[in-house]
Amino acid sequence: MTTNRSSRRTKIMLSSTALAMAAGILLLTGQSPEPRVEAGLVASDDTFTLMTAAGRTGSGDGKSDLLYVIDNDNGVLLAYRASQNGPAMNITLVDGGHIGHLFDAVRP
């Protein structure tokens, strides 16, 4: 009788553990991964520098992230905007050009 009770208790514990693990796996796999961009990061090597920053849309009501790409060899700066438009993520080229020309254009 004691063996039956121990066996039954073991089966209940194993079944409970299996159900809990199955529920955990279903919860983890059921989540859709959200793309994340951490604004304020800089990565650089000999030829390129990448920098992210928080941005705003023209109307100021939406959030977006900016990516600046600098080609250190050729002196080119490119600015991209990543913004969420409903379920879709849009990445667009904002502006760019040779760094010397860009700074000459804003000098007084």
PDB file of N, CA and C in Angstrom:
ATOM      1  N   MET A   1       0.826  -1.184   0.000  1.00  0.00           N
ATOM      2  CA  MET A   1       0.000   0.000   0.000  1.00  0.00           C
ATOM      3  C   MET A   1       0.871   1.249   0.000  1.00  0.00           C
ATOM      4  N   THR A   2       1.960   1.226   0.771  1.00  0.00           N
ATOM      5  CA  THR A   2       2.866   2.366   0.814  1.00  0.00           C
ATOM      6  C   THR A   2       3.545   2.565  -0.531  1.00  0.00           C
ATOM      7  N   THR A   3       3.872   1.472  -1.206  1.00  0.00           N
ATOM      8  CA  THR A   3       4.519   1.551  -2.518  1.00  0.00           C
ATOM      9  C   THR A   3       3.577   2.164  -3.543  1.00  0.00           C
ATOM     10  N   ASN A   4       2.295   1.778  -3.507  1.00  0.00           N
ATOM     11  CA  ASN A   4       1.316   2.348  -4.424  1.00  0.00           C
ATOM     12  C   ASN A   4       1.143   3.849  -4.184  1.00  0.00           C
ATOM     13  N   ARG A   5       1.120   4.233  -2.908  1.00  0.00           N
ATOM     14  CA  ARG A   5       0.956   5.639  -2.568  1.00  0.00           C
ATOM     15  C   ARG A   5       2.174   6.447  -3.036  1.00  0.00           C
ATOM     16  N   SER A   6       3.378   5.921  -2.839  1.00  0.00           N
ATOM     17  CA  SER A   6       4.603   6.597  -3.288  1.00  0.00           C
ATOM     18  C   SER A   6       4.645   6.677  -4.803  1.00  0.00           C
ATOM     19  N   SER A   7       4.256   5.597  -5.451  1.00  0.00           N
ATOM     20  CA  SER A   7       4.252   5.566  -6.910  1.00  0.00           C
ATOM     21  C   SER A   7       3.250   6.572  -7.468  1.00  0.00           C
ATOM     22  N   ARG A   8       2.093   6.636  -6.844  1.00  0.00           N
ATOM     23  CA  ARG A   8       1.065   7.573  -7.291  1.00  0.00           C
ATOM     24  C   ARG A   8       1.522   9.014  -7.076  1.00  0.00           C
ATOM     25  N   ARG A   9       2.131   9.286  -5.931  1.00  0.00           N
ATOM     26  CA  ARG A   9       2.627  10.619  -5.620  1.00  0.00           C
ATOM     27  C   ARG A   9       3.731  11.026  -6.611  1.00  0.00           C
ATOM     28  N   THR A  10       4.594  10.093  -6.960  1.00  0.00           N
ATOM     29  CA  THR A  10       5.662  10.361  -7.926  1.00  0.00           C
ATOM     30  C   THR A  10       5.085  10.675  -9.295  1.00  0.00           C
ATOM     31  N   LYS A  11       4.068   9.910  -9.715  1.00  0.00           N
ATOM     32  CA  LYS A  11       3.437  10.157 -11.013  1.00  0.00           C
ATOM     33  C   LYS A  11       2.768  11.527 -11.047  1.00  0.00           C
ATOM     34  N   ILE A  12       2.115  11.904  -9.954  1.00  0.00           N
ATOM     35  CA  ILE A  12       1.459  13.212  -9.886  1.00  0.00           C
ATOM     36  C   ILE A  12       2.497  14.333  -9.965  1.00  0.00           C
ATOM     37  N   MET A  13       3.599  14.184  -9.246  1.00  0.00           N
ATOM     38  CA  MET A  13       4.653  15.200  -9.267  1.00  0.00           C
ATOM     39  C   MET A  13       5.275  15.322 -10.657  1.00  0.00           C
ATOM     40  N   LEU A  14       5.554  14.181 -11.304  1.00  0.00           N
ATOM     41  CA  LEU A  14       6.131  14.207 -12.647  1.00  0.00           C
ATOM     42  C   LEU A  14       5.163  14.823 -13.654  1.00  0.00           C
ATOM     43  N   SER A  15       3.891  14.479 -13.537  1.00  0.00           N
ATOM     44  CA  SER A  15       2.887  15.044 -14.441  1.00  0.00           C
ATOM     45  C   SER A  15       2.758  16.549 -14.241  1.00  0.00           C
ATOM     46  N   SER A  16       2.748  16.992 -12.993  1.00  0.00           N
ATOM     47  CA  SER A  16       2.654  18.425 -12.697  1.00  0.00           C
ATOM     48  C   SER A  16       3.858  19.179 -13.246  1.00  0.00           C
ATOM     49  N   THR A  17       5.037  18.602 -13.064  1.00  0.00           N
ATOM     50  CA  THR A  17       6.256  19.233 -13.575  1.00  0.00           C
ATOM     51  C   THR A  17       6.232  19.306 -15.095  1.00  0.00           C
ATOM     52  N   ALA A  18       5.805  18.223 -15.749  1.00  0.00           N
ATOM     53  CA  ALA A  18       5.735  18.204 -17.211  1.00  0.00           C
ATOM     54  C   ALA A  18       4.740  19.242 -17.723  1.00  0.00           C
ATOM     55  N   LEU A  19       3.594  19.375 -17.070  1.00  0.00           N
ATOM     56  CA  LEU A  19       2.605  20.374 -17.471  1.00  0.00           C
ATOM     57  C   LEU A  19       3.138  21.793 -17.288  1.00  0.00           C
ATOM     58  N   ALA A  20       3.817  22.039 -16.180  1.00  0.00           N
ATOM     59  CA  ALA A  20       4.376  23.366 -15.934  1.00  0.00           C
ATOM     60  C   ALA A  20       5.443  23.709 -16.970  1.00  0.00           C
ATOM     61  N   MET A  21       6.281  22.739 -17.311  1.00  0.00           N
ATOM     62  CA  MET A  21       7.313  22.980 -18.322  1.00  0.00           C
ATOM     63  C   MET A  21       6.690  23.211 -19.694  1.00  0.00           C
ATOM     64  N   ALA A  22       5.672  22.448 -20.041  1.00  0.00           N
ATOM     65  CA  ALA A  22       5.000  22.619 -21.334  1.00  0.00           C
ATOM     66  C   ALA A  22       4.340  23.992 -21.415  1.00  0.00           C
ATOM     67  N   ALA A  23       3.707  24.423 -20.326  1.00  0.00           N
ATOM     68  CA  ALA A  23       3.078  25.746 -20.309  1.00  0.00           C
ATOM     69  C   ALA A  23       4.129  26.843 -20.464  1.00  0.00           C
ATOM     70  N   GLY A  24       5.259  26.695 -19.796  1.00  0.00           N
ATOM     71  CA  GLY A  24       6.338  27.676 -19.922  1.00  0.00           C
ATOM     72  C   GLY A  24       6.889  27.753 -21.332  1.00  0.00           C
ATOM     73  N   ILE A  25       7.076  26.604 -21.958  1.00  0.00           N
ATOM     74  CA  ILE A  25       7.579  26.573 -23.335  1.00  0.00           C
ATOM     75  C   ILE A  25       6.580  27.222 -24.279  1.00  0.00           C
ATOM     76  N   LEU A  26       5.296  26.924 -24.103  1.00  0.00           N
ATOM     77  CA  LEU A  26       4.278  27.533 -24.960  1.00  0.00           C
ATOM     78  C   LEU A  26       4.234  29.051 -24.788  1.00  0.00           C
ATOM     79  N   LEU A  27       4.375  29.522 -23.566  1.00  0.00           N
ATOM     80  CA  LEU A  27       4.371  30.965 -23.328  1.00  0.00           C
ATOM     81  C   LEU A  27       5.580  31.640 -23.967  1.00  0.00           C
ATOM     82  N   LEU A  28       6.742  31.009 -23.868  1.00  0.00           N
ATOM     83  CA  LEU A  28       7.949  31.607 -24.428  1.00  0.00           C
ATOM     84  C   LEU A  28       7.955  31.584 -25.947  1.00  0.00           C
ATOM     85  N   THR A  29       7.493  30.507 -26.552  1.00  0.00           N
ATOM     86  CA  THR A  29       7.507  30.420 -28.013  1.00  0.00           C
ATOM     87  C   THR A  29       6.349  31.180 -28.638  1.00  0.00           C
ATOM     88  N   GLY A  30       5.318  31.465 -27.889  1.00  0.00           N
ATOM     89  CA  GLY A  30       4.169  32.184 -28.423  1.00  0.00           C
ATOM     90  C   GLY A  30       4.390  33.681 -28.546  1.00  0.00           C
ATOM     91  N   GLN A  31       5.436  34.214 -27.923  1.00  0.00           N
ATOM     92  CA  GLN A  31       5.698  35.647 -27.984  1.00  0.00           C
ATOM     93  C   GLN A  31       6.420  35.982 -29.279  1.00  0.00           C
ATOM     94  N   SER A  32       5.969  37.042 -29.934  1.00  0.00           N
ATOM     95  CA  SER A  32       6.668  37.480 -31.141  1.00  0.00           C
ATOM     96  C   SER A  32       7.825  38.387 -30.731  1.00  0.00           C
ATOM     97  N   PRO A  33       8.999  38.175 -31.302  1.00  0.00           N
ATOM     98  CA  PRO A  33      10.138  39.011 -30.918  1.00  0.00           C
ATOM     99  C   PRO A  33       9.965  40.429 -31.442  1.00  0.00           C
ATOM    100  N   GLU A  34      10.209  41.391 -30.598  1.00  0.00           N
ATOM    101  CA  GLU A  34      10.111  42.802 -30.962  1.00  0.00           C
ATOM    102  C   GLU A  34      11.500  43.297 -31.340  1.00  0.00           C
ATOM    103  N   PRO A  35      11.637  43.906 -32.510  1.00  0.00           N
ATOM    104  CA  PRO A  35      12.953  44.468 -32.832  1.00  0.00           C
ATOM    105  C   PRO A  35      13.242  45.657 -31.928  1.00  0.00           C
ATOM    106  N   ARG A  36      14.463  45.725 -31.429  1.00  0.00           N
ATOM    107  CA  ARG A  36      14.831  46.809 -30.531  1.00  0.00           C
ATOM    108  C   ARG A  36      16.074  47.503 -31.056  1.00  0.00           C
ATOM    109  N   VAL A  37      16.048  48.776 -30.959  1.00  0.00           N
ATOM    110  CA  VAL A  37      17.209  49.580 -31.300  1.00  0.00           C
ATOM    111  C   VAL A  37      17.560  50.380 -30.059  1.00  0.00           C
ATOM    112  N   GLU A  38      18.778  50.241 -29.619  1.00  0.00           N
ATOM    113  CA  GLU A  38      19.228  50.986 -28.457  1.00  0.00           C
ATOM    114  C   GLU A  38      19.852  52.291 -28.929  1.00  0.00           C
ATOM    115  N   ALA A  39      19.149  53.392 -28.739  1.00  0.00           N
ATOM    116  CA  ALA A  39      19.665  54.692 -29.168  1.00  0.00           C
ATOM    117  C   ALA A  39      20.820  55.112 -28.271  1.00  0.00           C
ATOM    118  N   GLY A  40      21.796  55.738 -28.864  1.00  0.00           N
ATOM    119  CA  GLY A  40      22.932  56.234 -28.108  1.00  0.00           C
ATOM    120  C   GLY A  40      24.132  55.315 -28.133  1.00  0.00           C
ATOM    121  N   LEU A  41      24.173  54.356 -29.036  1.00  0.00           N
ATOM    122  CA  LEU A  41      25.306  53.443 -29.129  1.00  0.00           C
ATOM    123  C   LEU A  41      26.225  53.865 -30.265  1.00  0.00           C
ATOM    124  N   VAL A  42      27.515  53.627 -30.089  1.00  0.00           N
ATOM    125  CA  VAL A  42      28.504  53.928 -31.118  1.00  0.00           C
ATOM    126  C   VAL A  42      29.370  52.701 -31.321  1.00  0.00           C
ATOM    127  N   ALA A  43      29.579  52.348 -32.590  1.00  0.00           N
ATOM    128  CA  ALA A  43      30.486  51.253 -32.946  1.00  0.00           C
ATOM    129  C   ALA A  43      31.420  51.786 -34.017  1.00  0.00           C
ATOM    130  N   SER A  44      32.703  51.447 -33.896  1.00  0.00           N
ATOM    131  CA  SER A  44      33.666  51.998 -34.834  1.00  0.00           C
ATOM    132  C   SER A  44      34.787  51.008 -35.092  1.00  0.00           C
ATOM    133  N   ASP A  45      35.329  51.073 -36.303  1.00  0.00           N
ATOM    134  CA  ASP A  45      36.563  50.370 -36.625  1.00  0.00           C
ATOM    135  C   ASP A  45      37.389  51.307 -37.502  1.00  0.00           C
ATOM    136  N   ASP A  46      38.354  50.795 -38.217  1.00  0.00           N
ATOM    137  CA  ASP A  46      39.228  51.664 -39.003  1.00  0.00           C
ATOM    138  C   ASP A  46      38.509  52.366 -40.144  1.00  0.00           C
ATOM    139  N   THR A  47      37.489  51.732 -40.718  1.00  0.00           N
ATOM    140  CA  THR A  47      36.886  52.285 -41.930  1.00  0.00           C
ATOM    141  C   THR A  47      35.498  52.880 -41.733  1.00  0.00           C
ATOM    142  N   PHE A  48      34.750  52.441 -40.722  1.00  0.00           N
ATOM    143  CA  PHE A  48      33.386  52.928 -40.533  1.00  0.00           C
ATOM    144  C   PHE A  48      33.137  53.282 -39.080  1.00  0.00           C
ATOM    145  N   THR A  49      32.230  54.246 -38.883  1.00  0.00           N
ATOM    146  CA  THR A  49      31.710  54.569 -37.562  1.00  0.00           C
ATOM    147  C   THR A  49      30.193  54.573 -37.667  1.00  0.00           C
ATOM    148  N   LEU A  50      29.530  53.889 -36.744  1.00  0.00           N
ATOM    149  CA  LEU A  50      28.069  53.830 -36.695  1.00  0.00           C
ATOM    150  C   LEU A  50      27.609  54.417 -35.370  1.00  0.00           C
ATOM    151  N   MET A  51      26.597  55.276 -35.412  1.00  0.00           N
ATOM    152  CA  MET A  51      26.059  55.864 -34.192  1.00  0.00           C
ATOM    153  C   MET A  51      24.541  55.894 -34.281  1.00  0.00           C
ATOM    154  N   THR A  52      23.874  55.512 -33.201  1.00  0.00           N
ATOM    155  CA  THR A  52      22.417  55.583 -33.145  1.00  0.00           C
ATOM    156  C   THR A  52      22.011  56.690 -32.180  1.00  0.00           C
ATOM    157  N   ALA A  53      20.851  57.271 -32.431  1.00  0.00           N
ATOM    158  CA  ALA A  53      20.320  58.333 -31.574  1.00  0.00           C
ATOM    159  C   ALA A  53      18.801  58.319 -31.662  1.00  0.00           C
ATOM    160  N   ALA A  54      18.159  58.767 -30.600  1.00  0.00           N
ATOM    161  CA  ALA A  54      16.699  58.884 -30.609  1.00  0.00           C
ATOM    162  C   ALA A  54      16.319  60.054 -31.500  1.00  0.00           C
ATOM    163  N   GLY A  55      15.220  59.923 -32.210  1.00  0.00           N
ATOM    164  CA  GLY A  55      14.770  60.989 -33.095  1.00  0.00           C
ATOM    165  C   GLY A  55      13.273  61.170 -32.985  1.00  0.00           C
ATOM    166  N   ARG A  56      12.768  62.188 -33.672  1.00  0.00           N
ATOM    167  CA  ARG A  56      11.333  62.435 -33.735  1.00  0.00           C
ATOM    168  C   ARG A  56      10.944  62.591 -35.188  1.00  0.00           C
ATOM    169  N   THR A  57       9.694  62.309 -35.482  1.00  0.00           N
ATOM    170  CA  THR A  57       9.199  62.553 -36.830  1.00  0.00           C
ATOM    171  C   THR A  57       8.954  64.043 -36.991  1.00  0.00           C
ATOM    172  N   GLY A  58       8.707  64.483 -38.208  1.00  0.00           N
ATOM    173  CA  GLY A  58       8.515  65.906 -38.482  1.00  0.00           C
ATOM    174  C   GLY A  58       7.404  66.535 -37.669  1.00  0.00           C
ATOM    175  N   SER A  59       6.327  65.798 -37.424  1.00  0.00           N
ATOM    176  CA  SER A  59       5.213  66.343 -36.649  1.00  0.00           C
ATOM    177  C   SER A  59       5.471  66.271 -35.153  1.00  0.00           C
ATOM    178  N   GLY A  60       6.493  65.532 -34.743  1.00  0.00           N
ATOM    179  CA  GLY A  60       6.836  65.444 -33.331  1.00  0.00           C
ATOM    180  C   GLY A  60       5.996  64.473 -32.540  1.00  0.00           C
ATOM    181  N   ASP A  61       5.037  63.790 -33.185  1.00  0.00           N
ATOM    182  CA  ASP A  61       4.155  62.897 -32.436  1.00  0.00           C
ATOM    183  C   ASP A  61       4.607  61.440 -32.491  1.00  0.00           C
ATOM    184  N   GLY A  62       5.527  61.099 -33.349  1.00  0.00           N
ATOM    185  CA  GLY A  62       5.967  59.714 -33.450  1.00  0.00           C
ATOM    186  C   GLY A  62       7.406  59.563 -33.013  1.00  0.00           C
ATOM    187  N   LYS A  63       7.757  58.363 -32.613  1.00  0.00           N
ATOM    188  CA  LYS A  63       9.119  58.087 -32.201  1.00  0.00           C
ATOM    189  C   LYS A  63       9.851  57.414 -33.350  1.00  0.00           C
ATOM    190  N   SER A  64      11.118  57.725 -33.452  1.00  0.00           N
ATOM    191  CA  SER A  64      11.948  57.078 -34.455  1.00  0.00           C
ATOM    192  C   SER A  64      13.372  57.033 -33.931  1.00  0.00           C
ATOM    193  N   ASP A  65      14.197  56.261 -34.583  1.00  0.00           N
ATOM    194  CA  ASP A  65      15.608  56.169 -34.243  1.00  0.00           C
ATOM    195  C   ASP A  65      16.414  56.557 -35.464  1.00  0.00           C
ATOM    196  N   LEU A  66      17.548  57.190 -35.228  1.00  0.00           N
ATOM    197  CA  LEU A  66      18.424  57.621 -36.308  1.00  0.00           C
ATOM    198  C   LEU A  66      19.699  56.797 -36.279  1.00  0.00           C
ATOM    199  N   LEU A  67      20.202  56.473 -37.446  1.00  0.00           N
ATOM    200  CA  LEU A  67      21.477  55.776 -37.590  1.00  0.00           C
ATOM    201  C   LEU A  67      22.368  56.641 -38.462  1.00  0.00           C
ATOM    202  N   TYR A  68      23.514  57.013 -37.929  1.00  0.00           N
ATOM    203  CA  TYR A  68      24.499  57.782 -38.679  1.00  0.00           C
ATOM    204  C   TYR A  68      25.631  56.841 -39.067  1.00  0.00           C
ATOM    205  N   VAL A  69      25.964  56.811 -40.337  1.00  0.00           N
ATOM    206  CA  VAL A  69      27.048  55.974 -40.847  1.00  0.00           C
ATOM    207  C   VAL A  69      28.110  56.903 -41.413  1.00  0.00           C
ATOM    208  N   ILE A  70      29.331  56.796 -40.899  1.00  0.00           N
ATOM    209  CA  ILE A  70      30.441  57.603 -41.404  1.00  0.00           C
ATOM    210  C   ILE A  70      31.455  56.667 -42.044  1.00  0.00           C
ATOM    211  N   ASP A  71      31.730  56.905 -43.313  1.00  0.00           N
ATOM    212  CA  ASP A  71      32.778  56.188 -44.033  1.00  0.00           C
ATOM    213  C   ASP A  71      34.068  56.970 -43.800  1.00  0.00           C
ATOM    214  N   ASN A  72      34.920  56.467 -42.922  1.00  0.00           N
ATOM    215  CA  ASN A  72      36.128  57.185 -42.539  1.00  0.00           C
ATOM    216  C   ASN A  72      37.134  57.288 -43.684  1.00  0.00           C
ATOM    217  N   ASP A  73      37.146  56.333 -44.593  1.00  0.00           N
ATOM    218  CA  ASP A  73      38.097  56.360 -45.707  1.00  0.00           C
ATOM    219  C   ASP A  73      37.744  57.419 -46.741  1.00  0.00           C
ATOM    220  N   ASN A  74      36.456  57.539 -47.064  1.00  0.00           N
ATOM    221  CA  ASN A  74      36.019  58.445 -48.127  1.00  0.00           C
ATOM    222  C   ASN A  74      35.403  59.739 -47.612  1.00  0.00           C
ATOM    223  N   GLY A  75      35.238  59.882 -46.293  1.00  0.00           N
ATOM    224  CA  GLY A  75      34.673  61.097 -45.725  1.00  0.00           C
ATOM    225  C   GLY A  75      33.212  61.306 -46.075  1.00  0.00           C
ATOM    226  N   VAL A  76      32.417  60.236 -46.017  1.00  0.00           N
ATOM    227  CA  VAL A  76      30.999  60.308 -46.365  1.00  0.00           C
ATOM    228  C   VAL A  76      30.168  60.063 -45.111  1.00  0.00           C
ATOM    229  N   LEU A  77      29.147  60.898 -44.907  1.00  0.00           N
ATOM    230  CA  LEU A  77      28.204  60.747 -43.796  1.00  0.00           C
ATOM    231  C   LEU A  77      26.830  60.450 -44.372  1.00  0.00           C
ATOM    232  N   LEU A  78      26.183  59.390 -43.875  1.00  0.00           N
ATOM    233  CA  LEU A  78      24.822  59.031 -44.273  1.00  0.00           C
ATOM    234  C   LEU A  78      23.964  58.976 -43.018  1.00  0.00           C
ATOM    235  N   ALA A  79      22.751  59.497 -43.095  1.00  0.00           N
ATOM    236  CA  ALA A  79      21.814  59.465 -41.968  1.00  0.00           C
ATOM    237  C   ALA A  79      20.562  58.710 -42.392  1.00  0.00           C
ATOM    238  N   TYR A  80      20.194  57.694 -41.605  1.00  0.00           N
ATOM    239  CA  TYR A  80      19.006  56.884 -41.858  1.00  0.00           C
ATOM    240  C   TYR A  80      18.039  57.048 -40.701  1.00  0.00           C
ATOM    241  N   ARG A  81      16.736  56.964 -40.986  1.00  0.00           N
ATOM    242  CA  ARG A  81      15.696  57.010 -39.956  1.00  0.00           C
ATOM    243  C   ARG A  81      14.952  55.681 -39.957  1.00  0.00           C
ATOM    244  N   ALA A  82      14.833  55.079 -38.777  1.00  0.00           N
ATOM    245  CA  ALA A  82      14.032  53.863 -38.591  1.00  0.00           C
ATOM    246  C   ALA A  82      12.798  54.255 -37.798  1.00  0.00           C
ATOM    247  N   SER A  83      11.621  54.018 -38.362  1.00  0.00           N
ATOM    248  CA  SER A  83      10.384  54.388 -37.674  1.00  0.00           C
ATOM    249  C   SER A  83       9.365  53.267 -37.818  1.00  0.00           C
ATOM    250  N   GLN A  84       8.524  53.161 -36.817  1.00  0.00           N
ATOM    251  CA  GLN A  84       7.475  52.149 -36.786  1.00  0.00           C
ATOM    252  C   GLN A  84       6.231  52.730 -37.423  1.00  0.00           C
ATOM    253  N   ASN A  85       5.707  52.050 -38.441  1.00  0.00           N
ATOM    254  CA  ASN A  85       4.478  52.475 -39.101  1.00  0.00           C
ATOM    255  C   ASN A  85       3.499  51.311 -39.016  1.00  0.00           C
ATOM    256  N   GLY A  86       2.714  51.269 -37.947  1.00  0.00           N
ATOM    257  CA  GLY A  86       1.844  50.116 -37.707  1.00  0.00           C
ATOM    258  C   GLY A  86       2.717  48.917 -37.381  1.00  0.00           C
ATOM    259  N   PRO A  87       2.459  47.780 -38.017  1.00  0.00           N
ATOM    260  CA  PRO A  87       3.283  46.602 -37.734  1.00  0.00           C
ATOM    261  C   PRO A  87       4.605  46.600 -38.499  1.00  0.00           C
ATOM    262  N   ALA A  88       4.767  47.513 -39.464  1.00  0.00           N
ATOM    263  CA  ALA A  88       5.961  47.506 -40.309  1.00  0.00           C
ATOM    264  C   ALA A  88       7.007  48.500 -39.807  1.00  0.00           C
ATOM    265  N   MET A  89       8.275  48.097 -39.920  1.00  0.00           N
ATOM    266  CA  MET A  89       9.391  48.976 -39.597  1.00  0.00           C
ATOM    267  C   MET A  89       9.931  49.538 -40.906  1.00  0.00           C
ATOM    268  N   ASN A  90      10.032  50.858 -41.001  1.00  0.00           N
ATOM    269  CA  ASN A  90      10.539  51.515 -42.206  1.00  0.00           C
ATOM    270  C   ASN A  90      11.913  52.103 -41.932  1.00  0.00           C
ATOM    271  N   ILE A  91      12.842  51.894 -42.859  1.00  0.00           N
ATOM    272  CA  ILE A  91      14.166  52.492 -42.780  1.00  0.00           C
ATOM    273  C   ILE A  91      14.362  53.315 -44.043  1.00  0.00           C
ATOM    274  N   THR A  92      14.600  54.621 -43.866  1.00  0.00           N
ATOM    275  CA  THR A  92      14.743  55.512 -45.018  1.00  0.00           C
ATOM    276  C   THR A  92      16.013  56.341 -44.884  1.00  0.00           C
ATOM    277  N   LEU A  93      16.617  56.642 -46.021  1.00  0.00           N
ATOM    278  CA  LEU A  93      17.780  57.518 -46.063  1.00  0.00           C
ATOM    279  C   LEU A  93      17.287  58.950 -45.893  1.00  0.00           C
ATOM    280  N   VAL A  94      17.787  59.644 -44.874  1.00  0.00           N
ATOM    281  CA  VAL A  94      17.368  61.016 -44.605  1.00  0.00           C
ATOM    282  C   VAL A  94      18.214  61.994 -45.421  1.00  0.00           C
ATOM    283  N   ASP A  95      19.519  61.857 -45.328  1.00  0.00           N
ATOM    284  CA  ASP A  95      20.421  62.760 -46.036  1.00  0.00           C
ATOM    285  C   ASP A  95      21.818  62.169 -45.992  1.00  0.00           C
ATOM    286  N   GLY A  96      22.694  62.758 -46.735  1.00  0.00           N
ATOM    287  CA  GLY A  96      24.068  62.298 -46.736  1.00  0.00           C
ATOM    288  C   GLY A  96      24.907  63.058 -47.733  1.00  0.00           C
ATOM    289  N   GLY A  97      26.177  62.846 -47.664  1.00  0.00           N
ATOM    290  CA  GLY A  97      27.100  63.483 -48.585  1.00  0.00           C
ATOM    291  C   GLY A  97      28.498  63.477 -48.011  1.00  0.00           C
ATOM    292  N   HIS A  98      29.402  64.135 -48.723  1.00  0.00           N
ATOM    293  CA  HIS A  98      30.771  64.252 -48.227  1.00  0.00           C
ATOM    294  C   HIS A  98      30.782  65.174 -47.018  1.00  0.00           C
ATOM    295  N   ILE A  99      31.475  64.774 -45.988  1.00  0.00           N
ATOM    296  CA  ILE A  99      31.460  65.521 -44.727  1.00  0.00           C
ATOM    297  C   ILE A  99      31.941  66.953 -44.933  1.00  0.00           C
ATOM    298  N   GLY A 100      32.984  67.143 -45.732  1.00  0.00           N
ATOM    299  CA  GLY A 100      33.486  68.493 -45.985  1.00  0.00           C
ATOM    300  C   GLY A 100      32.430  69.390 -46.604  1.00  0.00           C
ATOM    301  N   HIS A 101      31.673  68.872 -47.562  1.00  0.00           N
ATOM    302  CA  HIS A 101      30.615  69.660 -48.213  1.00  0.00           C
ATOM    303  C   HIS A 101      29.479  69.960 -47.241  1.00  0.00           C
ATOM    304  N   LEU A 102      29.139  68.986 -46.396  1.00  0.00           N
ATOM    305  CA  LEU A 102      28.053  69.206 -45.433  1.00  0.00           C
ATOM    306  C   LEU A 102      28.410  70.313 -44.450  1.00  0.00           C
ATOM    307  N   PHE A 103      29.646  70.320 -43.958  1.00  0.00           N
ATOM    308  CA  PHE A 103      30.043  71.361 -43.012  1.00  0.00           C
ATOM    309  C   PHE A 103      30.209  72.708 -43.702  1.00  0.00           C
ATOM    310  N   ASP A 104      30.672  72.718 -44.951  1.00  0.00           N
ATOM    311  CA  ASP A 104      30.772  73.981 -45.697  1.00  0.00           C
ATOM    312  C   ASP A 104      29.397  74.611 -45.896  1.00  0.00           C
ATOM    313  N   ALA A 105      28.387  73.782 -46.071  1.00  0.00           N
ATOM    314  CA  ALA A 105      27.032  74.284 -46.322  1.00  0.00           C
ATOM    315  C   ALA A 105      26.428  74.974 -45.099  1.00  0.00           C
ATOM    316  N   VAL A 106      26.884  74.651 -43.904  1.00  0.00           N
ATOM    317  CA  VAL A 106      26.295  75.247 -42.697  1.00  0.00           C
ATOM    318  C   VAL A 106      27.196  76.291 -42.054  1.00  0.00           C
ATOM    319  N   ARG A 107      28.385  76.492 -42.591  1.00  0.00           N
ATOM    320  CA  ARG A 107      29.274  77.523 -42.037  1.00  0.00           C
ATOM    321  C   ARG A 107      28.755  78.905 -42.419  1.00  0.00           C
ATOM    322  N   PRO A 108      28.886  79.879 -41.486  1.00  0.00           N
ATOM    323  CA  PRO A 108      28.426  81.247 -41.799  1.00  0.00           C
ATOM    324  C   PRO A 108      29.346  81.943 -42.788  1.00  0.00           C
TER     325      PRO A 108
END
